[in-house]
């Protein structure tokens, strides 16, 4: 399947793997794949950014475990203070996941695999011969596991799908 991926789609998957390593995730799921797409400059990345789902906004949510610092602050929980106390008691990086070494294999979660399969199906359904980063995004959207993450940064999955579908359908037809 990867032979049908454009350079941009391959780079998005490579960035997803790099993100998984960097944040200490044991596998590549749909959240890491969103980061991979958002970190690029293709149609998928532009659609995400247009909806407020920028790389920085998504990464902040993924790294925080999806915790909303403002919402927690409204009930008296200060995430920064919790981090400071944990590091004071247990050392720097006490709340960080362990990072995987560069070059180590990071497997896909079942949801991540499904999103890639759905990316291929999206490309086929649109009559596209190649799979671009926009198809990867469509696969993640169709899988649905990152809807909450997207909504947490103000992006609506259905609107994202509508925004990226025309870009996907213009790619690679007949060539």
Protein backbone atom coordinates (compact mmCIF):
# COMPACT_ATOMS: atom_id res chain seq x y z
CA UNK A 1 0.00 0.00 0.00
CA UNK A 2 2.81 2.48 0.84
CA UNK A 3 3.97 2.45 -2.78
CA UNK A 4 0.81 4.43 -3.60
CA UNK A 5 1.59 7.09 -0.99
CA UNK A 6 2.77 10.45 -2.22
CA UNK A 7 5.93 11.90 -0.71
CA UNK A 8 3.73 14.12 1.50
CA UNK A 9 1.74 11.14 2.80
CA UNK A 10 4.91 9.16 3.49
CA UNK A 11 6.35 12.12 5.35
CA UNK A 12 3.14 12.42 7.38
CA UNK A 13 3.44 8.78 8.46
CA UNK A 14 7.15 9.24 9.24
CA UNK A 15 6.31 12.33 11.32
CA UNK A 16 3.65 10.30 13.14
CA UNK A 17 6.30 7.74 14.03
CA UNK A 18 8.67 10.49 15.15
CA UNK A 19 5.89 12.02 17.26
CA UNK A 20 5.16 8.68 18.91
CA UNK A 21 8.84 8.35 19.81
CA UNK A 22 9.07 11.94 21.05
CA UNK A 23 6.07 11.75 23.34
CA UNK A 24 6.88 8.24 24.53
CA UNK A 25 3.85 6.60 23.00
CA UNK A 26 4.20 2.83 22.67
CA UNK A 27 2.45 2.90 19.28
CA UNK A 28 1.21 5.07 16.44
CA UNK A 29 -2.47 5.81 16.77
CA UNK A 30 -4.77 8.29 15.14
CA UNK A 31 -3.59 11.14 17.40
CA UNK A 32 0.01 10.67 16.24
CA UNK A 33 -1.21 10.43 12.66
CA UNK A 34 -3.04 13.75 13.04
CA UNK A 35 0.20 15.27 14.32
CA UNK A 36 2.01 13.81 11.32
CA UNK A 37 -0.46 15.36 8.89
CA UNK A 38 -0.66 18.68 10.76
CA UNK A 39 3.14 18.97 10.80
CA UNK A 40 3.33 19.02 7.01
CA UNK A 41 2.32 21.49 4.34
CA UNK A 42 -0.09 19.49 2.18
CA UNK A 43 -3.85 19.83 1.71
CA UNK A 44 -4.57 17.83 4.86
CA UNK A 45 -2.36 20.08 6.98
CA UNK A 46 -3.95 23.20 5.48
CA UNK A 47 -7.47 21.88 6.15
CA UNK A 48 -6.56 21.15 9.77
CA UNK A 49 -5.00 24.59 10.26
CA UNK A 50 -8.01 26.30 8.68
CA UNK A 51 -10.19 24.63 11.34
CA UNK A 52 -7.88 25.62 14.20
CA UNK A 53 -6.32 22.17 14.49
CA UNK A 54 -2.75 23.38 14.06
CA UNK A 55 0.22 21.19 14.86
CA UNK A 56 0.93 23.19 18.04
CA UNK A 57 -2.68 23.05 19.26
CA UNK A 58 -2.98 19.31 18.60
CA UNK A 59 0.41 18.49 20.12
CA UNK A 60 -0.38 20.45 23.28
CA UNK A 61 -3.54 18.37 23.72
CA UNK A 62 -1.82 15.07 22.96
CA UNK A 63 1.09 15.79 25.32
CA UNK A 64 -1.27 16.85 28.11
CA UNK A 65 -3.27 13.67 27.66
CA UNK A 66 -6.20 15.71 26.42
CA UNK A 67 -6.47 17.58 29.70
CA UNK A 68 -7.91 21.06 29.41
CA UNK A 69 -5.76 23.26 31.64
CA UNK A 70 -8.27 26.13 31.60
CA UNK A 71 -11.18 23.87 32.55
CA UNK A 72 -9.16 22.29 35.36
CA UNK A 73 -8.05 25.73 36.57
CA UNK A 74 -11.70 26.75 36.83
CA UNK A 75 -12.13 24.07 39.51
CA UNK A 76 -8.86 24.88 41.26
CA UNK A 77 -6.48 22.43 39.59
CA UNK A 78 -3.20 23.97 38.37
CA UNK A 79 -1.45 21.60 35.97
CA UNK A 80 1.77 23.62 36.03
CA UNK A 81 1.89 23.43 39.83
CA UNK A 82 1.28 19.67 39.74
CA UNK A 83 4.16 19.29 37.28
CA UNK A 84 6.46 21.47 39.44
CA UNK A 85 5.69 19.45 42.57
CA UNK A 86 6.12 16.10 40.82
CA UNK A 87 9.48 17.19 39.43
CA UNK A 88 10.57 18.57 42.80
CA UNK A 89 9.77 15.23 44.46
CA UNK A 90 10.69 12.77 41.72
CA UNK A 91 13.09 14.61 39.42
CA UNK A 92 12.89 16.42 36.10
CA UNK A 93 10.56 14.84 33.58
CA UNK A 94 8.79 12.76 36.21
CA UNK A 95 5.48 13.04 34.39
CA UNK A 96 6.93 12.49 30.93
CA UNK A 97 6.54 9.22 29.13
CA UNK A 98 9.75 7.41 28.28
CA UNK A 99 11.04 8.36 24.86
CA UNK A 100 11.90 5.70 22.30
CA UNK A 101 15.32 5.94 20.68
CA UNK A 102 15.48 7.42 17.18
CA UNK A 103 15.27 4.63 14.63
CA UNK A 104 13.44 2.21 16.91
CA UNK A 105 10.35 0.55 15.47
CA UNK A 106 7.05 1.92 16.67
CA UNK A 107 4.06 -0.27 15.77
CA UNK A 108 0.64 0.99 14.73
CA UNK A 109 -2.35 0.60 17.01
CA UNK A 110 -5.31 -1.26 15.50
CA UNK A 111 -6.96 2.16 15.03
CA UNK A 112 -3.87 3.53 13.30
CA UNK A 113 -3.80 0.54 10.93
CA UNK A 114 -7.50 0.96 10.26
CA UNK A 115 -7.02 4.66 9.47
CA UNK A 116 -4.35 3.78 6.90
CA UNK A 117 -6.62 1.17 5.34
CA UNK A 118 -9.42 3.74 5.25
CA UNK A 119 -7.06 6.26 3.61
CA UNK A 120 -6.61 3.78 0.77
CA UNK A 121 -10.36 3.24 0.55
CA UNK A 122 -10.97 6.99 0.48
CA UNK A 123 -8.53 7.40 -2.40
CA UNK A 124 -10.18 4.57 -4.33
CA UNK A 125 -13.68 5.94 -3.68
CA UNK A 126 -12.58 9.34 -4.97
CA UNK A 127 -10.98 7.81 -8.05
CA UNK A 128 -7.50 8.90 -7.01
CA UNK A 129 -4.46 6.85 -7.99
CA UNK A 130 -2.25 8.12 -5.18
CA UNK A 131 -2.74 8.49 -1.45
CA UNK A 132 -1.90 11.97 -0.21
CA UNK A 133 -1.83 13.48 3.26
CA UNK A 134 -5.44 14.54 2.67
CA UNK A 135 -6.41 10.86 2.27
CA UNK A 136 -4.55 10.02 5.47
CA UNK A 137 -6.60 12.73 7.19
CA UNK A 138 -9.80 11.35 5.65
CA UNK A 139 -8.85 7.88 6.92
CA UNK A 140 -8.31 9.23 10.44
CA UNK A 141 -11.63 11.09 10.28
CA UNK A 142 -13.48 8.03 9.04
CA UNK A 143 -11.94 5.86 11.77
CA UNK A 144 -13.33 8.37 14.27
CA UNK A 145 -11.00 7.76 17.21
CA UNK A 146 -9.64 11.31 17.20
CA UNK A 147 -12.94 13.18 16.98
CA UNK A 148 -12.70 14.26 20.63
CA UNK A 149 -9.13 15.50 20.14
CA UNK A 150 -10.17 17.52 17.09
CA UNK A 151 -13.16 19.01 18.88
CA UNK A 152 -10.96 19.94 21.84
CA UNK A 153 -9.07 22.37 19.58
CA UNK A 154 -12.24 23.70 17.96
CA UNK A 155 -12.26 21.60 14.79
CA UNK A 156 -15.39 19.78 13.67
CA UNK A 157 -14.64 16.41 12.02
CA UNK A 158 -17.53 16.67 9.53
CA UNK A 159 -16.42 20.14 8.43
CA UNK A 160 -12.85 18.89 8.06
CA UNK A 161 -14.05 16.03 5.90
CA UNK A 162 -16.01 18.44 3.69
CA UNK A 163 -13.01 20.76 3.44
CA UNK A 164 -10.47 18.11 2.50
CA UNK A 165 -12.60 15.92 0.21
CA UNK A 166 -12.41 18.30 -2.79
CA UNK A 167 -8.62 18.48 -2.46
CA UNK A 168 -8.43 14.70 -2.37
CA UNK A 169 -10.63 14.30 -5.41
CA UNK A 170 -8.40 16.62 -7.44
CA UNK A 171 -5.28 14.54 -6.75
CA UNK A 172 -3.83 12.06 -9.17
CA UNK A 173 -6.80 11.24 -11.36
CA UNK A 174 -5.58 9.70 -14.52
CA UNK A 175 -1.96 10.28 -13.73
